[in-house]
Every structure is written in structure tokens, then in C-alpha cells.
C-alpha atoms as a PDB file:
ATOM      1  CA  MET A   1      93.799   4.319  19.071  1.00  0.00           C
ATOM      2  CA  SER A   2      91.791   2.941  16.070  1.00  0.00           C
ATOM      3  CA  VAL A   3      88.143   2.537  16.166  1.00  0.00           C
ATOM      4  CA  GLY A   4      88.591  -1.344  16.200  1.00  0.00           C
ATOM      5  CA  SER A   5      90.650  -1.310  19.323  1.00  0.00           C
ATOM      6  CA  SER A   6      87.997  -0.151  21.588  1.00  0.00           C
ATOM      7  CA  SER A   7      87.898  -1.555  25.069  1.00  0.00           C
ATOM      8  CA  GLY A   8      84.280  -2.867  24.553  1.00  0.00           C
ATOM      9  CA  GLY A   9      81.163  -2.988  22.497  1.00  0.00           C
ATOM     10  CA  ASP A  10      80.022  -4.893  19.304  1.00  0.00           C
ATOM     11  CA  TYR A  11      82.088  -5.830  16.205  1.00  0.00           C
ATOM     12  CA  ASN A  12      82.599  -2.328  14.431  1.00  0.00           C
ATOM     13  CA  LEU A  13      81.383  -2.415  10.808  1.00  0.00           C
ATOM     14  CA  SER A  14      83.129   0.792  10.058  1.00  0.00           C
ATOM     15  CA  ASP A  15      86.532  -0.680  10.895  1.00  0.00           C
ATOM     16  CA  PRO A  16      86.168  -4.403   9.998  1.00  0.00           C
ATOM     17  CA  VAL A  17      89.770  -5.811   9.965  1.00  0.00           C
ATOM     18  CA  ASN A  18      90.999  -4.070  13.278  1.00  0.00           C
ATOM     19  CA  SER A  19      87.650  -4.755  15.078  1.00  0.00           C
ATOM     20  CA  PHE A  20      87.383  -8.457  14.079  1.00  0.00           C
ATOM     21  CA  ALA A  21      91.007  -8.998  15.502  1.00  0.00           C
ATOM     22  CA  ASP A  22      90.021  -6.999  18.632  1.00  0.00           C
ATOM     23  CA  VAL A  23      86.815  -8.767  19.347  1.00  0.00           C
ATOM     24  CA  VAL A  24      88.389 -12.167  18.730  1.00  0.00           C
ATOM     25  CA  ARG A  25      91.173 -11.314  21.333  1.00  0.00           C
ATOM     26  CA  ARG A  26      88.491  -9.980  23.942  1.00  0.00           C
ATOM     27  CA  VAL A  27      86.018 -12.899  23.569  1.00  0.00           C
ATOM     28  CA  VAL A  28      88.698 -15.517  23.711  1.00  0.00           C
ATOM     29  CA  LEU A  29      91.067 -13.965  26.481  1.00  0.00           C
ATOM     30  CA  GLY A  30      88.527 -12.187  28.595  1.00  0.00           C
ATOM     31  CA  PRO A  31      84.987 -13.435  28.000  1.00  0.00           C
ATOM     32  CA  SER A  32      83.471 -12.394  31.321  1.00  0.00           C
ATOM     33  CA  ARG A  33      84.504  -8.822  30.828  1.00  0.00           C
ATOM     34  CA  PHE A  34      83.615  -8.925  27.085  1.00  0.00           C
ATOM     35  CA  PHE A  35      80.124 -10.028  27.388  1.00  0.00           C
ATOM     36  CA  ALA A  36      79.609  -7.637  30.552  1.00  0.00           C
ATOM     37  CA  GLN A  37      80.530  -4.722  28.231  1.00  0.00           C
ATOM     38  CA  LEU A  38      78.126  -5.479  25.390  1.00  0.00           C
ATOM     39  CA  PRO A  39      75.071  -3.629  24.716  1.00  0.00           C
ATOM     40  CA  ARG A  40      72.030  -5.819  25.480  1.00  0.00           C
ATOM     41  CA  ARG A  41      69.923  -4.361  22.654  1.00  0.00           C
ATOM     42  CA  GLY A  42      70.536  -2.624  19.360  1.00  0.00           C
ATOM     43  CA  ASN A  43      71.491  -3.383  15.773  1.00  0.00           C
ATOM     44  CA  LEU A  44      72.392  -7.109  15.290  1.00  0.00           C
ATOM     45  CA  ALA A  45      74.178  -6.548  12.048  1.00  0.00           C
ATOM     46  CA  GLY A  46      77.520  -6.458  13.689  1.00  0.00           C
ATOM     47  CA  PRO A  47      77.263  -9.542  15.844  1.00  0.00           C
ATOM     48  CA  LEU A  48      75.801 -11.563  13.058  1.00  0.00           C
ATOM     49  CA  LEU A  49      78.637 -10.455  10.439  1.00  0.00           C
ATOM     50  CA  PHE A  50      81.241 -11.420  12.925  1.00  0.00           C
ATOM     51  CA  ALA A  51      79.596 -15.003  13.298  1.00  0.00           C
ATOM     52  CA  LEU A  52      79.296 -15.381   9.538  1.00  0.00           C
ATOM     53  CA  ILE A  53      82.976 -14.269   9.046  1.00  0.00           C
ATOM     54  CA  CYS A  54      84.179 -17.006  11.659  1.00  0.00           C
ATOM     55  CA  VAL A  55      81.878 -19.554   9.914  1.00  0.00           C
ATOM     56  CA  GLU A  56      83.036 -18.849   6.370  1.00  0.00           C
ATOM     57  CA  VAL A  57      86.903 -18.807   7.447  1.00  0.00           C
ATOM     58  CA  SER A  58      86.094 -22.219   9.073  1.00  0.00           C
ATOM     59  CA  ALA A  59      84.459 -23.577   5.884  1.00  0.00           C
ATOM     60  CA  PHE A  60      87.147 -22.382   3.519  1.00  0.00           C
ATOM     61  CA  LEU A  61      90.021 -23.627   5.742  1.00  0.00           C
ATOM     62  CA  GLY A  62      88.256 -26.921   6.313  1.00  0.00           C
ATOM     63  CA  VAL A  63      87.934 -27.467   2.599  1.00  0.00           C
ATOM     64  CA  LEU A  64      91.577 -26.331   1.792  1.00  0.00           C
ATOM     65  CA  VAL A  65      93.155 -28.603   4.530  1.00  0.00           C
ATOM     66  CA  GLY A  66      90.951 -31.448   3.735  1.00  0.00           C
ATOM     67  CA  GLU A  67      91.672 -31.367   0.000  1.00  0.00           C
ATOM     68  CA  LEU A  68      95.340 -31.172   0.830  1.00  0.00           C
ATOM     69  CA  LEU A  69      95.444 -34.057   3.002  1.00  0.00           C
ATOM     70  CA  TRP A  70      93.569 -36.120   0.436  1.00  0.00           C
ATOM     71  CA  PHE A  71      96.073 -34.896  -2.229  1.00  0.00           C
ATOM     72  CA  PHE A  72      98.870 -36.271  -0.032  1.00  0.00           C
ATOM     73  CA  ALA A  73      96.953 -39.566   0.333  1.00  0.00           C
ATOM     74  CA  LEU A  74      96.635 -39.150   3.947  1.00  0.00           C
ATOM     75  CA  GLY A  75      93.191 -40.371   4.107  1.00  0.00           C
ATOM     76  CA  ILE A  76      91.896 -37.710   6.344  1.00  0.00           C
ATOM     77  CA  SER A  77      88.875 -35.633   5.483  1.00  0.00           C
ATOM     78  CA  HIS A  78      88.219 -32.021   6.346  1.00  0.00           C
ATOM     79  CA  PRO A  79      87.055 -31.365  10.002  1.00  0.00           C
ATOM     80  CA  GLY A  80      83.796 -32.381  11.075  1.00  0.00           C
ATOM     81  CA  TYR A  81      81.105 -30.627  13.249  1.00  0.00           C
ATOM     82  CA  ASN A  82      81.953 -27.734  15.531  1.00  0.00           C
ATOM     83  CA  PRO A  83      80.922 -28.978  19.136  1.00  0.00           C
ATOM     84  CA  ASN A  84      80.189 -25.283  20.090  1.00  0.00           C
ATOM     85  CA  PRO A  85      76.585 -25.553  21.760  1.00  0.00           C
ATOM     86  CA  GLN A  86      75.392 -22.766  19.597  1.00  0.00           C
ATOM     87  CA  ASN A  87      75.818 -24.913  16.665  1.00  0.00           C
ATOM     88  CA  LEU A  88      73.522 -27.548  17.845  1.00  0.00           C
ATOM     89  CA  TRP A  89      70.792 -26.428  15.516  1.00  0.00           C
ATOM     90  CA  PHE A  90      72.776 -25.782  12.377  1.00  0.00           C
ATOM     91  CA  PRO A  91      71.209 -27.745   9.484  1.00  0.00           C
ATOM     92  CA  SER A  92      74.900 -28.525   8.070  1.00  0.00           C
ATOM     93  CA  ILE A  93      75.073 -31.349  10.290  1.00  0.00           C
ATOM     94  CA  VAL A  94      72.561 -33.253   8.250  1.00  0.00           C
ATOM     95  CA  LEU A  95      73.115 -31.837   4.791  1.00  0.00           C
ATOM     96  CA  PRO A  96      75.420 -33.900   2.556  1.00  0.00           C
ATOM     97  CA  VAL A  97      77.166 -31.151   0.347  1.00  0.00           C
ATOM     98  CA  THR A  98      80.256 -30.876  -1.722  1.00  0.00           C
ATOM     99  CA  PRO A  99      83.498 -29.044  -0.506  1.00  0.00           C
ATOM    100  CA  VAL A 100      82.714 -26.122  -2.776  1.00  0.00           C
ATOM    101  CA  MET A 101      79.124 -25.990  -1.787  1.00  0.00           C
ATOM    102  CA  SER A 102      79.888 -26.077   1.820  1.00  0.00           C
ATOM    103  CA  ILE A 103      81.799 -22.800   1.204  1.00  0.00           C
ATOM    104  CA  ILE A 104      79.044 -21.089  -0.731  1.00  0.00           C
ATOM    105  CA  ILE A 105      76.102 -22.071   1.658  1.00  0.00           C
ATOM    106  CA  ALA A 106      78.037 -21.494   4.812  1.00  0.00           C
ATOM    107  CA  PRO A 107      76.762 -17.929   5.231  1.00  0.00           C
ATOM    108  CA  ILE A 108      73.121 -19.094   4.840  1.00  0.00           C
ATOM    109  CA  VAL A 109      73.461 -22.006   7.139  1.00  0.00           C
ATOM    110  CA  GLY A 110      75.466 -19.899   9.535  1.00  0.00           C
ATOM    111  CA  THR A 111      72.434 -17.236   9.528  1.00  0.00           C
ATOM    112  CA  ILE A 112      69.928 -19.697  10.138  1.00  0.00           C
ATOM    113  CA  GLY A 113      72.038 -21.565  12.673  1.00  0.00           C
ATOM    114  CA  VAL A 114      72.642 -18.373  14.761  1.00  0.00           C
ATOM    115  CA  PHE A 115      68.885 -17.256  14.788  1.00  0.00           C
ATOM    116  CA  VAL A 116      67.559 -20.642  15.772  1.00  0.00           C
ATOM    117  CA  ALA A 117      70.235 -21.240  18.469  1.00  0.00           C
ATOM    118  CA  ALA A 118      69.469 -17.714  19.911  1.00  0.00           C
ATOM    119  CA  GLY A 119      65.586 -18.433  19.806  1.00  0.00           C
ATOM    120  CA  VAL A 120      65.929 -21.793  21.448  1.00  0.00           C
ATOM    121  CA  GLN A 121      68.244 -20.393  24.135  1.00  0.00           C
ATOM    122  CA  GLN A 122      65.955 -17.318  24.653  1.00  0.00           C
ATOM    123  CA  LEU A 123      63.019 -19.537  25.459  1.00  0.00           C
ATOM    124  CA  LEU A 124      65.179 -21.305  28.077  1.00  0.00           C
ATOM    125  CA  VAL A 125      66.444 -17.951  29.352  1.00  0.00           C
ATOM    126  CA  ARG A 126      62.892 -16.938  29.891  1.00  0.00           C
ATOM    127  CA  LEU A 127      61.966 -20.036  31.823  1.00  0.00           C
ATOM    128  CA  VAL A 128      65.109 -20.218  33.931  1.00  0.00           C
ATOM    129  CA  VAL A 129      66.185 -16.568  34.335  1.00  0.00           C
ATOM    130  CA  ARG A 130      62.486 -15.330  34.029  1.00  0.00           C
ATOM    131  CA  GLU A 131      61.463 -11.683  33.763  1.00  0.00           C
ATOM    132  CA  SER A 132      64.805 -10.202  34.771  1.00  0.00           C
ATOM    133  CA  ASN A 133      66.303 -11.452  31.386  1.00  0.00           C
ATOM    134  CA  SER A 134      67.951  -8.883  29.031  1.00  0.00           C
ATOM    135  CA  GLY A 135      65.859 -10.063  26.085  1.00  0.00           C
ATOM    136  CA  PHE A 136      66.604 -11.806  22.610  1.00  0.00           C
ATOM    137  CA  GLY A 137      69.324  -9.359  21.569  1.00  0.00           C
ATOM    138  CA  ALA A 138      71.564 -10.214  24.399  1.00  0.00           C
ATOM    139  CA  THR A 139      71.037 -13.877  23.707  1.00  0.00           C
ATOM    140  CA  PHE A 140      71.590 -13.463  19.861  1.00  0.00           C
ATOM    141  CA  ARG A 141      74.917 -11.817  20.726  1.00  0.00           C
ATOM    142  CA  VAL A 142      76.074 -14.639  22.724  1.00  0.00           C
ATOM    143  CA  ALA A 143      75.223 -17.166  19.835  1.00  0.00           C
ATOM    144  CA  SER A 144      77.199 -14.833  17.478  1.00  0.00           C
ATOM    145  CA  TYR A 145      80.277 -14.064  19.278  1.00  0.00           C
ATOM    146  CA  THR A 146      80.923 -17.703  20.392  1.00  0.00           C
ATOM    147  CA  GLN A 147      81.233 -18.583  16.755  1.00  0.00           C
ATOM    148  CA  VAL A 148      84.845 -17.582  17.512  1.00  0.00           C
ATOM    149  CA  THR A 149      85.463 -21.195  18.094  1.00  0.00           C
ATOM    150  CA  ALA A 150      84.829 -21.969  14.380  1.00  0.00           C
ATOM    151  CA  LEU A 151      88.302 -20.297  13.768  1.00  0.00           C
ATOM    152  CA  VAL A 152      90.087 -23.355  15.093  1.00  0.00           C
ATOM    153  CA  ASN A 153      87.563 -26.067  14.111  1.00  0.00           C
ATOM    154  CA  TRP A 154      89.047 -26.539  10.843  1.00  0.00           C
ATOM    155  CA  ILE A 155      92.195 -28.097  12.186  1.00  0.00           C
ATOM    156  CA  PRO A 156      91.909 -31.712  11.823  1.00  0.00           C
ATOM    157  CA  THR A 157      91.442 -33.880  14.850  1.00  0.00           C
ATOM    158  CA  VAL A 158      92.189 -31.264  17.590  1.00  0.00           C
ATOM    159  CA  GLY A 159      90.089 -28.560  16.043  1.00  0.00           C
ATOM    160  CA  PRO A 160      86.677 -29.793  17.465  1.00  0.00           C
ATOM    161  CA  LEU A 161      88.295 -30.549  20.886  1.00  0.00           C
ATOM    162  CA  LEU A 162      89.612 -27.079  20.958  1.00  0.00           C
ATOM    163  CA  ALA A 163      86.181 -25.707  19.963  1.00  0.00           C
ATOM    164  CA  LEU A 164      84.771 -27.119  22.998  1.00  0.00           C
ATOM    165  CA  TYR A 165      85.793 -24.001  24.564  1.00  0.00           C
ATOM    166  CA  GLY A 166      82.527 -22.681  23.205  1.00  0.00           C
ATOM    167  CA  VAL A 167      80.728 -24.432  26.047  1.00  0.00           C
ATOM    168  CA  TYR A 168      82.509 -22.330  28.603  1.00  0.00           C
ATOM    169  CA  LEU A 169      82.070 -19.165  26.343  1.00  0.00           C
ATOM    170  CA  SER A 170      78.401 -19.882  26.024  1.00  0.00           C
ATOM    171  CA  ILE A 171      77.703 -20.227  29.787  1.00  0.00           C
ATOM    172  CA  THR A 172      79.852 -17.167  30.569  1.00  0.00           C
ATOM    173  CA  GLY A 173      77.988 -15.071  27.955  1.00  0.00           C
ATOM    174  CA  ILE A 174      74.512 -15.957  29.012  1.00  0.00           C
ATOM    175  CA  ARG A 175      75.484 -15.449  32.787  1.00  0.00           C
ATOM    176  CA  GLU A 176      76.966 -11.852  31.879  1.00  0.00           C
ATOM    177  CA  MET A 177      74.382 -10.859  29.392  1.00  0.00           C
ATOM    178  CA  HIS A 178      71.327 -11.692  31.403  1.00  0.00           C
ATOM    179  CA  ARG A 179      73.078 -10.851  34.834  1.00  0.00           C
ATOM    180  CA  THR A 180      72.319 -14.321  36.176  1.00  0.00           C
ATOM    181  CA  THR A 181      74.081 -17.144  38.174  1.00  0.00           C
ATOM    182  CA  THR A 182      76.652 -19.537  36.663  1.00  0.00           C
ATOM    183  CA  ALA A 183      74.305 -22.520  37.460  1.00  0.00           C
ATOM    184  CA  LYS A 184      71.272 -20.884  35.618  1.00  0.00           C
ATOM    185  CA  ALA A 185      73.465 -19.965  32.701  1.00  0.00           C
ATOM    186  CA  ALA A 186      74.724 -23.584  32.544  1.00  0.00           C
ATOM    187  CA  LEU A 187      71.175 -25.015  32.577  1.00  0.00           C
ATOM    188  CA  VAL A 188      70.323 -22.730  29.492  1.00  0.00           C
ATOM    189  CA  VAL A 189      73.391 -24.004  27.648  1.00  0.00           C
ATOM    190  CA  LEU A 190      73.528 -27.535  28.769  1.00  0.00           C
ATOM    191  CA  ILE A 191      69.748 -28.673  28.606  1.00  0.00           C
ATOM    192  CA  PRO A 192      69.652 -28.450  24.676  1.00  0.00           C
ATOM    193  CA  LEU A 193      72.938 -30.517  24.725  1.00  0.00           C
ATOM    194  CA  GLY A 194      71.558 -33.148  26.989  1.00  0.00           C
ATOM    195  CA  VAL A 195      68.408 -33.479  24.819  1.00  0.00           C
ATOM    196  CA  ALA A 196      70.252 -33.842  21.716  1.00  0.00           C
ATOM    197  CA  LEU A 197      72.776 -36.340  23.106  1.00  0.00           C
ATOM    198  CA  LEU A 198      69.636 -38.550  24.395  1.00  0.00           C
ATOM    199  CA  VAL A 199      68.084 -38.184  20.982  1.00  0.00           C
ATOM    200  CA  ALA A 200      71.376 -39.337  19.430  1.00  0.00           C
ATOM    201  CA  LEU A 201      71.760 -42.321  21.875  1.00  0.00           C
ATOM    202  CA  VAL A 202      68.245 -43.377  21.069  1.00  0.00           C
ATOM    203  CA  ALA A 203      68.797 -43.092  17.303  1.00  0.00           C
ATOM    204  CA  LEU A 204      72.023 -45.012  17.470  1.00  0.00           C
ATOM    205  CA  ALA A 205      70.443 -47.690  19.603  1.00  0.00           C
ATOM    206  CA  THR A 206      67.538 -47.993  17.214  1.00  0.00           C
ATOM    207  CA  LEU A 207      69.968 -48.201  14.320  1.00  0.00           C
ATOM    208  CA  PHE A 208      72.241 -50.735  16.057  1.00  0.00           C
ATOM    209  CA  SER A 209      69.107 -53.086  16.856  1.00  0.00           C
ATOM    210  CA  ALA A 210      67.831 -52.803  13.191  1.00  0.00           C
ATOM    211  CA  VAL A 211      71.150 -53.948  11.947  1.00  0.00           C
ATOM    212  CA  LEU A 212      71.261 -56.909  14.305  1.00  0.00           C
END
């Protein structure tokens, strides 16, 4: 059995290809077991690198597909924002960049986004789960490994819809990593989404009234 085909644990930097495929399979097909078997503390390099690979693959394929669609005059641009709740704080949603620049800055934006998402959710974990929580490292792993949804986000139209699976992955991850209930995990994940939706609706209403 190869190093990357272990039955649990973080993304293995010593066997990057096999371990990446193994982690993708485990987090997508068995998220409850996957997160339950992860270490709560320890080196964050493996989880972060896994997330950045997913983000970079999405950026590259999104640009490639978008350019091909424009080349064939289909009038469809590359895919939009990944609805995974861990991406709520990614600065890429407000930065107008060229396709090539989006590939170059994807790792930088991805790193910032994962740390900010994990930080915000850890604050909520401390409020909701309280002292029994497993710490920042556990929340960081959830923010990192749920980036697996980026691997389908590049697919035009249906990609972002498929990426909504990230909501379930995030709730499952918070529940298992912090050994809490589904209800509390859902609060941690959905409260920021609710706030963001409210802000977006207020902004749209303000813009609409200004236009009128």
C-alpha cells in the first residue's frame, strides 16, 4: 500500500500525487469519517497545500474553458465565484483581474482566504461550541479540505451549483473536528453566510434605489 493511500490523516507532502487523489476521494465520498480521523493539531502545511492545489486547478481550468468558449463565440465567460462557504472572505470576489493574473494570484488569494475563513469560523466555534472546541488547527483543516469543491467550480453554469456541496462538507467538518452537534456546526457555517446575504441585499437595494 502506498503512503498516499492511507485510511486517514492529512494530505501527505511526501507522496503528493497519490495522497491528493486519496484525500479527494475520502473527503467527497466519506466526509464524516474523513474529518473524524484527522488530527486536531499539528503542521498546517499539508492542509494548506491541498487547498491551494484545488484553487490553482480551478483557476487554470476556469481560464482555459472560458477562453475556449469565447474563441468559439459562445459568449460564455469562465466560471464565477465558488459558493463554498469557506470562500466567503476570499478577496478575489472583489478584485477585477485578467485571466492570466487570476492564475498567478490564485495561491496568494487562496492562502489569505483560507486563513481568514478559518479565523472567522474559529471565533464562532468559540462562541457556539465554547471551551470544548478542538482549536484553530481543527477549523483550519475544515477550511482547507473543503476547497475540494473548487475542482468542479470551473465547469460553466453547473460548476458553482455542484460546489454548493461545500456547505454540507463544512457543516460535517466542523461537527466532526470539534465533536459537536450538527445544529451547532450549522450555526458556525451559516451565520456568516446569512450576514453576507443580508449585506448583499442591502447593497443591491441601495444601488437599485440610486438608479431609480
